[in-house]
Amino acid sequence: MRNGNLYSALSSGLLALLLVCAPISTIYAKMVSGQVLQDDGQPAPKVRVFLVDTLHGAVTDGDGQFSLGEVPAGNYHLMATRPGMATVIRKLEVAEDNAPAIELHMNPNQRFERAASRYQPPPEPHRAEKSAYLKSISAGRQNGPNIVLILFDDLGFGDLGAYGNTLIRAPNIDSIAASGVKLTHFYSASPLCSPSRAALMTGRYPSRSLANHLVFAPLGSMQEKLLHAQGFPNHIAGDEILLPEILEAAGYTTALIGKWQLGEIDGYFPGDLGFDYFFGPLHSNNKPDFEIYRGRDVRYRAA
């Protein structure tokens, strides 16, 4: 037998031996499962639970339950983490013949709470300059065109027929492209709600108005505490000059229909920042306590 053929035969035999032995050398336990409870004994939903050593992971459901699938026998570190809660790390032994059922208890993250409570709004040093600029604009609405600006959330470049899509039919939008100007090298400043809106309203990069970090959150929510703990505001900077404020100063009547997501405290509602009329939600519909406003009044609240 030639050396090459001998080598091939030995390699094939070794590979076959490895394939036969592999299932025998690794013994799997049954599914690892458990529940995460808060310090008051209530279930803790939306907790990320994972084995640090193998990256088996899951997120707890509404009852705080989780399962990690089949895990090889051995010793591991189990970690549970959720914003605002103190991270829990626990040693876990998975034997060959058992299915561990784990109960974890999580307490509020006191350091996080203290950091959020020490939040101070950042200064807005250009308020006077903003006011002077808006006062310098002459009201000449009678000579200006009507303006309708439409912002689509979650719409990609190739999602419209005007840009080559053959599956999604949007004839009205396509007709606007056919009778107007189609931009092929124009990009949103961000794929997130608040930063993209901040850029659209200000004409500047979102980082300029402290809006690049996260979508602005409902008042009192964990997301708001996360922002405050990092020193970020939960609204657009008040000394930014916004497009609706410029149009209002020029004599336009302005309206916003749809999601705002740039603030919801006094001074930062749509009506405070250039819009004469507002109808829509302040946040995304995946937030708790979803509400639709007309001006400052709630007209619809999700059950």
C-alpha atoms as a PDB file:
ATOM      1  CA  MET A   1       0.000   0.000   0.000  1.00  0.00           C
ATOM      2  CA  ARG A   2       1.367   3.389  -0.892  1.00  0.00           C
ATOM      3  CA  ASN A   3       2.084   5.871   1.862  1.00  0.00           C
ATOM      4  CA  GLY A   4      -0.677   8.190   0.655  1.00  0.00           C
ATOM      5  CA  ASN A   5      -3.298   5.462   0.728  1.00  0.00           C
ATOM      6  CA  LEU A   6      -2.081   4.291   4.122  1.00  0.00           C
ATOM      7  CA  TYR A   7      -2.335   7.820   5.453  1.00  0.00           C
ATOM      8  CA  SER A   8      -5.858   8.170   4.063  1.00  0.00           C
ATOM      9  CA  ALA A   9      -6.915   4.859   5.597  1.00  0.00           C
ATOM     10  CA  LEU A  10      -5.468   5.786   8.984  1.00  0.00           C
ATOM     11  CA  SER A  11      -7.112   9.225   8.830  1.00  0.00           C
ATOM     12  CA  SER A  12     -10.496   7.713   7.951  1.00  0.00           C
ATOM     13  CA  GLY A  13     -10.158   5.164  10.724  1.00  0.00           C
ATOM     14  CA  LEU A  14      -9.239   7.839  13.267  1.00  0.00           C
ATOM     15  CA  LEU A  15     -12.158  10.009  12.185  1.00  0.00           C
ATOM     16  CA  ALA A  16     -14.538   7.074  12.488  1.00  0.00           C
ATOM     17  CA  LEU A  17     -13.141   6.321  15.945  1.00  0.00           C
ATOM     18  CA  LEU A  18     -13.710   9.929  17.021  1.00  0.00           C
ATOM     19  CA  LEU A  19     -17.246   9.908  15.690  1.00  0.00           C
ATOM     20  CA  VAL A  20     -18.054   6.717  17.560  1.00  0.00           C
ATOM     21  CA  CYS A  21     -16.483   7.871  20.805  1.00  0.00           C
ATOM     22  CA  ALA A  22     -17.790  11.453  20.885  1.00  0.00           C
ATOM     23  CA  PRO A  23     -21.352  10.682  22.080  1.00  0.00           C
ATOM     24  CA  ILE A  24     -20.007   8.360  24.755  1.00  0.00           C
ATOM     25  CA  SER A  25     -17.537  10.883  26.190  1.00  0.00           C
ATOM     26  CA  THR A  26     -20.139  13.632  26.769  1.00  0.00           C
ATOM     27  CA  ILE A  27     -23.038  12.806  29.094  1.00  0.00           C
ATOM     28  CA  TYR A  28     -25.961  15.236  29.154  1.00  0.00           C
ATOM     29  CA  ALA A  29     -28.248  15.943  32.085  1.00  0.00           C
ATOM     30  CA  LYS A  30     -31.894  16.812  31.703  1.00  0.00           C
ATOM     31  CA  MET A  31     -33.081  20.391  31.241  1.00  0.00           C
ATOM     32  CA  VAL A  32     -31.904  22.881  33.874  1.00  0.00           C
ATOM     33  CA  SER A  33     -34.872  25.007  34.981  1.00  0.00           C
ATOM     34  CA  GLY A  34     -35.892  27.294  37.793  1.00  0.00           C
ATOM     35  CA  GLN A  35     -37.558  30.506  38.921  1.00  0.00           C
ATOM     36  CA  VAL A  36     -36.324  33.983  39.807  1.00  0.00           C
ATOM     37  CA  LEU A  37     -38.102  35.869  42.606  1.00  0.00           C
ATOM     38  CA  GLN A  38     -37.831  39.484  43.729  1.00  0.00           C
ATOM     39  CA  ASP A  39     -37.089  40.420  47.338  1.00  0.00           C
ATOM     40  CA  ASP A  40     -40.836  40.656  48.052  1.00  0.00           C
ATOM     41  CA  GLY A  41     -41.386  37.103  46.848  1.00  0.00           C
ATOM     42  CA  GLN A  42     -43.030  38.132  43.572  1.00  0.00           C
ATOM     43  CA  PRO A  43     -41.853  36.589  40.271  1.00  0.00           C
ATOM     44  CA  ALA A  44     -39.157  38.529  38.439  1.00  0.00           C
ATOM     45  CA  PRO A  45     -39.878  38.626  34.679  1.00  0.00           C
ATOM     46  CA  LYS A  46     -37.440  39.611  31.919  1.00  0.00           C
ATOM     47  CA  VAL A  47     -34.372  38.455  33.846  1.00  0.00           C
ATOM     48  CA  ARG A  48     -31.462  37.178  31.750  1.00  0.00           C
ATOM     49  CA  VAL A  49     -30.282  33.867  33.193  1.00  0.00           C
ATOM     50  CA  PHE A  50     -27.273  32.084  31.748  1.00  0.00           C
ATOM     51  CA  LEU A  51     -24.419  29.754  32.526  1.00  0.00           C
ATOM     52  CA  VAL A  52     -21.250  31.837  32.392  1.00  0.00           C
ATOM     53  CA  ASP A  53     -19.169  28.818  31.421  1.00  0.00           C
ATOM     54  CA  THR A  54     -21.192  27.544  28.452  1.00  0.00           C
ATOM     55  CA  LEU A  55     -23.394  30.537  27.536  1.00  0.00           C
ATOM     56  CA  HIS A  56     -26.604  28.511  27.810  1.00  0.00           C
ATOM     57  CA  GLY A  57     -29.111  31.329  28.296  1.00  0.00           C
ATOM     58  CA  ALA A  58     -32.765  32.244  28.673  1.00  0.00           C
ATOM     59  CA  VAL A  59     -35.054  35.088  29.756  1.00  0.00           C
ATOM     60  CA  THR A  60     -37.605  34.563  32.514  1.00  0.00           C
ATOM     61  CA  ASP A  61     -41.287  34.689  31.599  1.00  0.00           C
ATOM     62  CA  GLY A  62     -44.072  36.496  33.452  1.00  0.00           C
ATOM     63  CA  ASP A  63     -43.921  33.947  36.263  1.00  0.00           C
ATOM     64  CA  GLY A  64     -40.162  34.273  36.625  1.00  0.00           C
ATOM     65  CA  GLN A  65     -39.638  30.808  35.144  1.00  0.00           C
ATOM     66  CA  PHE A  66     -36.701  29.851  32.932  1.00  0.00           C
ATOM     67  CA  SER A  67     -35.157  26.765  31.339  1.00  0.00           C
ATOM     68  CA  LEU A  68     -31.697  26.329  29.857  1.00  0.00           C
ATOM     69  CA  GLY A  69     -31.993  23.189  27.782  1.00  0.00           C
ATOM     70  CA  GLU A  70     -29.756  20.154  28.156  1.00  0.00           C
ATOM     71  CA  VAL A  71     -26.470  20.985  29.848  1.00  0.00           C
ATOM     72  CA  PRO A  72     -23.382  18.715  30.061  1.00  0.00           C
ATOM     73  CA  ALA A  73     -22.651  17.346  33.508  1.00  0.00           C
ATOM     74  CA  GLY A  74     -20.225  19.507  35.456  1.00  0.00           C
ATOM     75  CA  ASN A  75     -19.804  22.515  37.740  1.00  0.00           C
ATOM     76  CA  TYR A  76     -20.915  25.936  36.519  1.00  0.00           C
ATOM     77  CA  HIS A  77     -21.566  29.531  37.494  1.00  0.00           C
ATOM     78  CA  LEU A  78     -25.199  30.589  37.001  1.00  0.00           C
ATOM     79  CA  MET A  79     -25.780  34.323  36.564  1.00  0.00           C
ATOM     80  CA  ALA A  80     -29.063  36.266  36.705  1.00  0.00           C
ATOM     81  CA  THR A  81     -29.147  39.916  35.696  1.00  0.00           C
ATOM     82  CA  ARG A  82     -31.736  42.620  35.032  1.00  0.00           C
ATOM     83  CA  PRO A  83     -31.411  46.408  34.938  1.00  0.00           C
ATOM     84  CA  GLY A  84     -32.081  47.883  38.368  1.00  0.00           C
ATOM     85  CA  MET A  85     -31.555  44.590  40.192  1.00  0.00           C
ATOM     86  CA  ALA A  86     -28.408  43.344  41.895  1.00  0.00           C
ATOM     87  CA  THR A  87     -26.754  40.662  39.777  1.00  0.00           C
ATOM     88  CA  VAL A  88     -26.875  37.164  41.288  1.00  0.00           C
ATOM     89  CA  ILE A  89     -24.101  34.606  40.688  1.00  0.00           C
ATOM     90  CA  ARG A  90     -24.521  31.114  42.067  1.00  0.00           C
ATOM     91  CA  LYS A  91     -22.478  27.934  41.771  1.00  0.00           C
ATOM     92  CA  LEU A  92     -24.382  25.120  40.138  1.00  0.00           C
ATOM     93  CA  GLU A  93     -23.566  21.424  39.939  1.00  0.00           C
ATOM     94  CA  VAL A  94     -25.151  19.445  37.139  1.00  0.00           C
ATOM     95  CA  ALA A  95     -24.881  15.709  37.745  1.00  0.00           C
ATOM     96  CA  GLU A  96     -25.247  13.007  35.154  1.00  0.00           C
ATOM     97  CA  ASP A  97     -28.566  11.752  36.479  1.00  0.00           C
ATOM     98  CA  ASN A  98     -30.454  14.805  37.746  1.00  0.00           C
ATOM     99  CA  ALA A  99     -32.321  17.822  36.415  1.00  0.00           C
ATOM    100  CA  PRO A 100     -31.511  20.785  38.703  1.00  0.00           C
ATOM    101  CA  ALA A 101     -34.413  23.053  39.672  1.00  0.00           C
ATOM    102  CA  ILE A 102     -33.042  26.403  40.825  1.00  0.00           C
ATOM    103  CA  GLU A 103     -34.671  29.203  42.827  1.00  0.00           C
ATOM    104  CA  LEU A 104     -32.911  32.564  42.707  1.00  0.00           C
ATOM    105  CA  HIS A 105     -33.730  35.703  44.698  1.00  0.00           C
ATOM    106  CA  MET A 106     -32.890  39.182  43.401  1.00  0.00           C
ATOM    107  CA  ASN A 107     -32.772  42.426  45.367  1.00  0.00           C
ATOM    108  CA  PRO A 108     -32.847  45.999  44.079  1.00  0.00           C
ATOM    109  CA  ASN A 109     -29.477  47.350  43.031  1.00  0.00           C
ATOM    110  CA  GLN A 110     -28.883  49.973  45.712  1.00  0.00           C
ATOM    111  CA  ARG A 111     -25.873  51.508  43.966  1.00  0.00           C
ATOM    112  CA  PHE A 112     -27.893  51.917  40.799  1.00  0.00           C
ATOM    113  CA  GLU A 113     -30.774  53.522  42.730  1.00  0.00           C
ATOM    114  CA  ARG A 114     -28.389  55.974  44.423  1.00  0.00           C
ATOM    115  CA  ALA A 115     -26.791  56.883  41.105  1.00  0.00           C
ATOM    116  CA  ALA A 116     -30.213  57.535  39.528  1.00  0.00           C
ATOM    117  CA  SER A 117     -31.362  59.616  42.524  1.00  0.00           C
ATOM    118  CA  ARG A 118     -28.313  61.894  42.245  1.00  0.00           C
ATOM    119  CA  TYR A 119     -29.167  62.859  38.654  1.00  0.00           C
ATOM    120  CA  GLN A 120     -29.122  66.570  37.860  1.00  0.00           C
ATOM    121  CA  PRO A 121     -30.383  67.917  34.520  1.00  0.00           C
ATOM    122  CA  PRO A 122     -27.509  69.086  32.310  1.00  0.00           C
ATOM    123  CA  PRO A 123     -27.262  72.845  31.718  1.00  0.00           C
ATOM    124  CA  GLU A 124     -28.843  74.417  28.653  1.00  0.00           C
ATOM    125  CA  PRO A 125     -26.480  77.327  28.051  1.00  0.00           C
ATOM    126  CA  HIS A 126     -27.842  78.416  24.664  1.00  0.00           C
ATOM    127  CA  ARG A 127     -31.405  79.285  25.642  1.00  0.00           C
ATOM    128  CA  ALA A 128     -30.836  83.028  25.169  1.00  0.00           C
ATOM    129  CA  GLU A 129     -29.208  82.566  21.756  1.00  0.00           C
ATOM    130  CA  LYS A 130     -32.062  80.298  20.681  1.00  0.00           C
ATOM    131  CA  SER A 131     -34.673  82.851  21.723  1.00  0.00           C
ATOM    132  CA  ALA A 132     -32.829  85.650  19.913  1.00  0.00           C
ATOM    133  CA  TYR A 133     -32.554  83.602  16.731  1.00  0.00           C
ATOM    134  CA  LEU A 134     -36.256  82.682  16.659  1.00  0.00           C
ATOM    135  CA  LYS A 135     -37.227  86.320  17.246  1.00  0.00           C
ATOM    136  CA  SER A 136     -35.071  87.354  14.299  1.00  0.00           C
ATOM    137  CA  ILE A 137     -37.129  85.231  11.866  1.00  0.00           C
ATOM    138  CA  SER A 138     -39.706  87.267   9.975  1.00  0.00           C
ATOM    139  CA  ALA A 139     -43.172  85.816   9.579  1.00  0.00           C
ATOM    140  CA  GLY A 140     -43.618  85.372   5.825  1.00  0.00           C
ATOM    141  CA  ARG A 141     -45.971  82.385   5.719  1.00  0.00           C
ATOM    142  CA  GLN A 142     -48.211  83.915   3.077  1.00  0.00           C
ATOM    143  CA  ASN A 143     -45.486  83.349   0.478  1.00  0.00           C
ATOM    144  CA  GLY A 144     -44.335  79.931   1.641  1.00  0.00           C
ATOM    145  CA  PRO A 145     -45.408  76.495   0.432  1.00  0.00           C
ATOM    146  CA  ASN A 146     -47.289  73.924   2.465  1.00  0.00           C
ATOM    147  CA  ILE A 147     -44.949  71.331   3.953  1.00  0.00           C
ATOM    148  CA  VAL A 148     -45.835  67.699   4.708  1.00  0.00           C
ATOM    149  CA  LEU A 149     -42.963  65.699   6.169  1.00  0.00           C
ATOM    150  CA  ILE A 150     -43.474  61.944   6.688  1.00  0.00           C
ATOM    151  CA  LEU A 151     -41.073  59.859   8.787  1.00  0.00           C
ATOM    152  CA  PHE A 152     -41.363  56.066   8.528  1.00  0.00           C
ATOM    153  CA  ASP A 153     -40.196  53.905  11.402  1.00  0.00           C
ATOM    154  CA  ASP A 154     -38.690  50.504  10.587  1.00  0.00           C
ATOM    155  CA  LEU A 155     -38.561  51.095   6.844  1.00  0.00           C
ATOM    156  CA  GLY A 156     -35.474  49.973   4.977  1.00  0.00           C
ATOM    157  CA  PHE A 157     -33.996  51.311   1.747  1.00  0.00           C
ATOM    158  CA  GLY A 158     -35.170  48.320  -0.270  1.00  0.00           C
ATOM    159  CA  ASP A 159     -38.678  48.052   1.185  1.00  0.00           C
ATOM    160  CA  LEU A 160     -40.425  50.188  -1.450  1.00  0.00           C
ATOM    161  CA  GLY A 161     -41.216  49.540  -5.099  1.00  0.00           C
ATOM    162  CA  ALA A 162     -39.668  52.891  -5.976  1.00  0.00           C
ATOM    163  CA  TYR A 163     -36.344  51.469  -4.819  1.00  0.00           C
ATOM    164  CA  GLY A 164     -36.688  48.092  -6.511  1.00  0.00           C
ATOM    165  CA  ASN A 165     -38.823  45.992  -4.141  1.00  0.00           C
ATOM    166  CA  THR A 166     -41.098  43.628  -6.068  1.00  0.00           C
ATOM    167  CA  LEU A 167     -42.935  42.036  -3.118  1.00  0.00           C
ATOM    168  CA  ILE A 168     -44.307  44.949  -1.070  1.00  0.00           C
ATOM    169  CA  ARG A 169     -46.921  47.081  -2.791  1.00  0.00           C
ATOM    170  CA  ALA A 170     -47.143  50.737  -1.728  1.00  0.00           C
ATOM    171  CA  PRO A 171     -48.514  52.487  -4.827  1.00  0.00           C
ATOM    172  CA  ASN A 172     -49.254  55.809  -3.128  1.00  0.00           C
ATOM    173  CA  ILE A 173     -45.729  56.131  -1.780  1.00  0.00           C
ATOM    174  CA  ASP A 174     -44.305  54.994  -5.111  1.00  0.00           C
ATOM    175  CA  SER A 175     -46.351  57.675  -6.879  1.00  0.00           C
ATOM    176  CA  ILE A 176     -44.748  60.353  -4.683  1.00  0.00           C
ATOM    177  CA  ALA A 177     -41.331  59.100  -5.765  1.00  0.00           C
ATOM    178  CA  ALA A 178     -42.404  59.041  -9.410  1.00  0.00           C
ATOM    179  CA  SER A 179     -43.660  62.638  -9.382  1.00  0.00           C
ATOM    180  CA  GLY A 180     -40.999  64.098  -7.086  1.00  0.00           C
ATOM    181  CA  VAL A 181     -37.346  63.752  -6.213  1.00  0.00           C
ATOM    182  CA  LYS A 182     -35.935  60.370  -5.194  1.00  0.00           C
ATOM    183  CA  LEU A 183     -32.808  60.450  -3.047  1.00  0.00           C
ATOM    184  CA  THR A 184     -30.530  57.422  -3.300  1.00  0.00           C
ATOM    185  CA  HIS A 185     -27.705  58.524  -1.009  1.00  0.00           C
ATOM    186  CA  PHE A 186     -29.608  59.983   1.919  1.00  0.00           C
ATOM    187  CA  TYR A 187     -29.447  58.271   5.284  1.00  0.00           C
ATOM    188  CA  SER A 188     -31.193  58.477   8.636  1.00  0.00           C
ATOM    189  CA  ALA A 189     -28.868  59.583  11.421  1.00  0.00           C
ATOM    190  CA  SER A 190     -29.816  56.557  13.522  1.00  0.00           C
ATOM    191  CA  PRO A 191     -31.854  53.319  13.414  1.00  0.00           C
ATOM    192  CA  LEU A 192     -33.459  54.210  16.781  1.00  0.00           C
ATOM    193  CA  CYS A 193     -36.578  56.291  17.407  1.00  0.00           C
ATOM    194  CA  SER A 194     -35.379  59.191  19.548  1.00  0.00           C
ATOM    195  CA  PRO A 195     -31.988  59.765  17.886  1.00  0.00           C
ATOM    196  CA  SER A 196     -33.489  59.753  14.383  1.00  0.00           C
ATOM    197  CA  ARG A 197     -36.186  62.210  15.451  1.00  0.00           C
ATOM    198  CA  ALA A 198     -33.695  64.445  17.243  1.00  0.00           C
ATOM    199  CA  ALA A 199     -31.576  64.602  14.088  1.00  0.00           C
ATOM    200  CA  LEU A 200     -34.608  65.332  11.923  1.00  0.00           C
ATOM    201  CA  MET A 201     -35.824  68.103  14.252  1.00  0.00           C
ATOM    202  CA  THR A 202     -32.442  69.760  14.781  1.00  0.00           C
ATOM    203  CA  GLY A 203     -30.555  69.025  11.551  1.00  0.00           C
ATOM    204  CA  ARG A 204     -27.618  67.890  13.689  1.00  0.00           C
ATOM    205  CA  TYR A 205     -26.050  64.620  14.732  1.00  0.00           C
ATOM    206  CA  PRO A 206     -27.975  63.091  17.678  1.00  0.00           C
ATOM    207  CA  SER A 207     -24.880  63.217  19.905  1.00  0.00           C
ATOM    208  CA  ARG A 208     -24.975  67.010  19.693  1.00  0.00           C
ATOM    209  CA  SER A 209     -28.267  67.086  21.581  1.00  0.00           C
ATOM    210  CA  LEU A 210     -27.446  64.207  23.983  1.00  0.00           C
ATOM    211  CA  ALA A 211     -29.928  62.014  22.105  1.00  0.00           C
ATOM    212  CA  ASN A 212     -27.677  59.293  20.733  1.00  0.00           C
ATOM    213  CA  HIS A 213     -27.628  57.034  23.801  1.00  0.00           C
ATOM    214  CA  LEU A 214     -31.101  55.506  24.048  1.00  0.00           C
ATOM    215  CA  VAL A 215     -34.732  55.974  23.165  1.00  0.00           C
ATOM    216  CA  PHE A 216     -36.282  58.413  25.634  1.00  0.00           C
ATOM    217  CA  ALA A 217     -38.313  56.512  28.193  1.00  0.00           C
ATOM    218  CA  PRO A 218     -41.645  56.861  30.049  1.00  0.00           C
ATOM    219  CA  LEU A 219     -41.508  58.815  33.298  1.00  0.00           C
ATOM    220  CA  GLY A 220     -40.768  56.657  36.321  1.00  0.00           C
ATOM    221  CA  SER A 221     -39.734  53.664  34.229  1.00  0.00           C
ATOM    222  CA  MET A 222     -36.621  51.573  34.701  1.00  0.00           C
ATOM    223  CA  GLN A 223     -35.354  52.913  31.374  1.00  0.00           C
ATOM    224  CA  GLU A 224     -35.561  56.458  32.741  1.00  0.00           C
ATOM    225  CA  LYS A 225     -33.569  55.437  35.811  1.00  0.00           C
ATOM    226  CA  LEU A 226     -30.972  53.883  33.524  1.00  0.00           C
ATOM    227  CA  LEU A 227     -30.630  57.179  31.686  1.00  0.00           C
ATOM    228  CA  HIS A 228     -30.399  59.203  34.893  1.00  0.00           C
ATOM    229  CA  ALA A 229     -27.906  56.803  36.482  1.00  0.00           C
ATOM    230  CA  GLN A 230     -25.599  57.497  33.509  1.00  0.00           C
ATOM    231  CA  GLY A 231     -26.188  61.255  33.726  1.00  0.00           C
ATOM    232  CA  PHE A 232     -28.322  61.470  30.585  1.00  0.00           C
ATOM    233  CA  PRO A 233     -31.541  63.530  30.355  1.00  0.00           C
ATOM    234  CA  ASN A 234     -34.880  61.937  29.450  1.00  0.00           C
ATOM    235  CA  HIS A 235     -35.796  64.580  26.880  1.00  0.00           C
ATOM    236  CA  ILE A 236     -34.256  66.512  24.048  1.00  0.00           C
ATOM    237  CA  ALA A 237     -32.111  69.461  25.069  1.00  0.00           C
ATOM    238  CA  GLY A 238     -34.302  72.536  25.480  1.00  0.00           C
ATOM    239  CA  ASP A 239     -31.798  74.919  23.932  1.00  0.00           C
ATOM    240  CA  GLU A 240     -31.780  73.038  20.619  1.00  0.00           C
ATOM    241  CA  ILE A 241     -33.442  74.955  17.780  1.00  0.00           C
ATOM    242  CA  LEU A 242     -36.074  72.660  16.287  1.00  0.00           C
ATOM    243  CA  LEU A 243     -37.560  72.691  12.795  1.00  0.00           C
ATOM    244  CA  PRO A 244     -41.165  73.245  14.018  1.00  0.00           C
ATOM    245  CA  GLU A 245     -39.999  76.239  16.091  1.00  0.00           C
ATOM    246  CA  ILE A 246     -38.431  77.802  13.008  1.00  0.00           C
ATOM    247  CA  LEU A 247     -41.592  77.201  10.956  1.00  0.00           C
ATOM    248  CA  GLU A 248     -43.777  78.576  13.751  1.00  0.00           C
ATOM    249  CA  ALA A 249     -41.621  81.713  13.929  1.00  0.00           C
ATOM    250  CA  ALA A 250     -41.968  82.053  10.144  1.00  0.00           C
ATOM    251  CA  GLY A 251     -45.765  82.163  10.444  1.00  0.00           C
ATOM    252  CA  TYR A 252     -46.670  78.516   9.818  1.00  0.00           C
ATOM    253  CA  THR A 253     -49.314  76.610  11.721  1.00  0.00           C
ATOM    254  CA  THR A 254     -47.618  73.379  12.716  1.00  0.00           C
ATOM    255  CA  ALA A 255     -48.930  69.922  13.628  1.00  0.00           C
ATOM    256  CA  LEU A 256     -47.440  66.594  14.669  1.00  0.00           C
ATOM    257  CA  ILE A 257     -49.478  63.422  14.113  1.00  0.00           C
ATOM    258  CA  GLY A 258     -47.740  60.290  15.318  1.00  0.00           C
ATOM    259  CA  LYS A 259     -45.056  59.367  17.814  1.00  0.00           C
ATOM    260  CA  TRP A 260     -43.107  62.101  19.602  1.00  0.00           C
ATOM    261  CA  GLN A 261     -40.543  60.281  21.799  1.00  0.00           C
ATOM    262  CA  LEU A 262     -38.515  63.394  22.682  1.00  0.00           C
ATOM    263  CA  GLY A 263     -39.836  64.186  26.176  1.00  0.00           C
ATOM    264  CA  GLU A 264     -42.967  64.335  28.293  1.00  0.00           C
ATOM    265  CA  ILE A 265     -42.394  66.807  31.117  1.00  0.00           C
ATOM    266  CA  ASP A 266     -43.307  70.494  31.139  1.00  0.00           C
ATOM    267  CA  GLY A 267     -41.182  72.350  28.655  1.00  0.00           C
ATOM    268  CA  TYR A 268     -40.581  69.310  26.456  1.00  0.00           C
ATOM    269  CA  PHE A 269     -44.023  68.355  25.139  1.00  0.00           C
ATOM    270  CA  PRO A 270     -44.607  68.859  21.397  1.00  0.00           C
ATOM    271  CA  GLY A 271     -46.658  71.957  22.205  1.00  0.00           C
ATOM    272  CA  ASP A 272     -43.708  73.443  24.076  1.00  0.00           C
ATOM    273  CA  LEU A 273     -41.321  72.974  21.167  1.00  0.00           C
ATOM    274  CA  GLY A 274     -43.032  74.425  18.146  1.00  0.00           C
ATOM    275  CA  PHE A 275     -46.103  72.305  17.414  1.00  0.00           C
ATOM    276  CA  ASP A 276     -49.507  74.000  17.566  1.00  0.00           C
ATOM    277  CA  TYR A 277     -51.327  70.653  17.374  1.00  0.00           C
ATOM    278  CA  PHE A 278     -50.328  67.182  18.538  1.00  0.00           C
ATOM    279  CA  PHE A 279     -52.141  63.871  18.237  1.00  0.00           C
ATOM    280  CA  GLY A 280     -50.289  60.656  18.974  1.00  0.00           C
ATOM    281  CA  PRO A 281     -48.314  58.703  21.567  1.00  0.00           C
ATOM    282  CA  LEU A 282     -45.331  59.988  23.487  1.00  0.00           C
ATOM    283  CA  HIS A 283     -43.617  56.582  23.276  1.00  0.00           C
ATOM    284  CA  SER A 284     -43.565  53.336  21.316  1.00  0.00           C
ATOM    285  CA  ASN A 285     -46.508  50.979  21.642  1.00  0.00           C
ATOM    286  CA  ASN A 286     -44.270  48.347  23.251  1.00  0.00           C
ATOM    287  CA  LYS A 287     -43.958  50.474  26.396  1.00  0.00           C
ATOM    288  CA  PRO A 288     -46.206  49.893  29.424  1.00  0.00           C
ATOM    289  CA  ASP A 289     -49.151  52.259  29.943  1.00  0.00           C
ATOM    290  CA  PHE A 290     -49.380  53.085  26.242  1.00  0.00           C
ATOM    291  CA  GLU A 291     -51.404  56.281  25.744  1.00  0.00           C
ATOM    292  CA  ILE A 292     -52.436  58.478  22.832  1.00  0.00           C
ATOM    293  CA  TYR A 293     -52.606  62.213  23.437  1.00  0.00           C
ATOM    294  CA  ARG A 294     -54.419  65.122  21.903  1.00  0.00           C
ATOM    295  CA  GLY A 295     -52.322  68.034  23.018  1.00  0.00           C
ATOM    296  CA  ARG A 296     -51.625  67.322  26.688  1.00  0.00           C
ATOM    297  CA  ASP A 297     -54.805  65.312  27.259  1.00  0.00           C
ATOM    298  CA  VAL A 298     -54.887  61.512  27.142  1.00  0.00           C
ATOM    299  CA  ARG A 299     -57.551  60.429  24.658  1.00  0.00           C
ATOM    300  CA  TYR A 300     -56.820  56.699  24.650  1.00  0.00           C
ATOM    301  CA  ARG A 301     -55.181  54.360  27.134  1.00  0.00           C
ATOM    302  CA  ALA A 302     -54.399  50.706  26.403  1.00  0.00           C
ATOM    303  CA  ALA A 303     -56.017  48.248  28.792  1.00  0.00           C
END
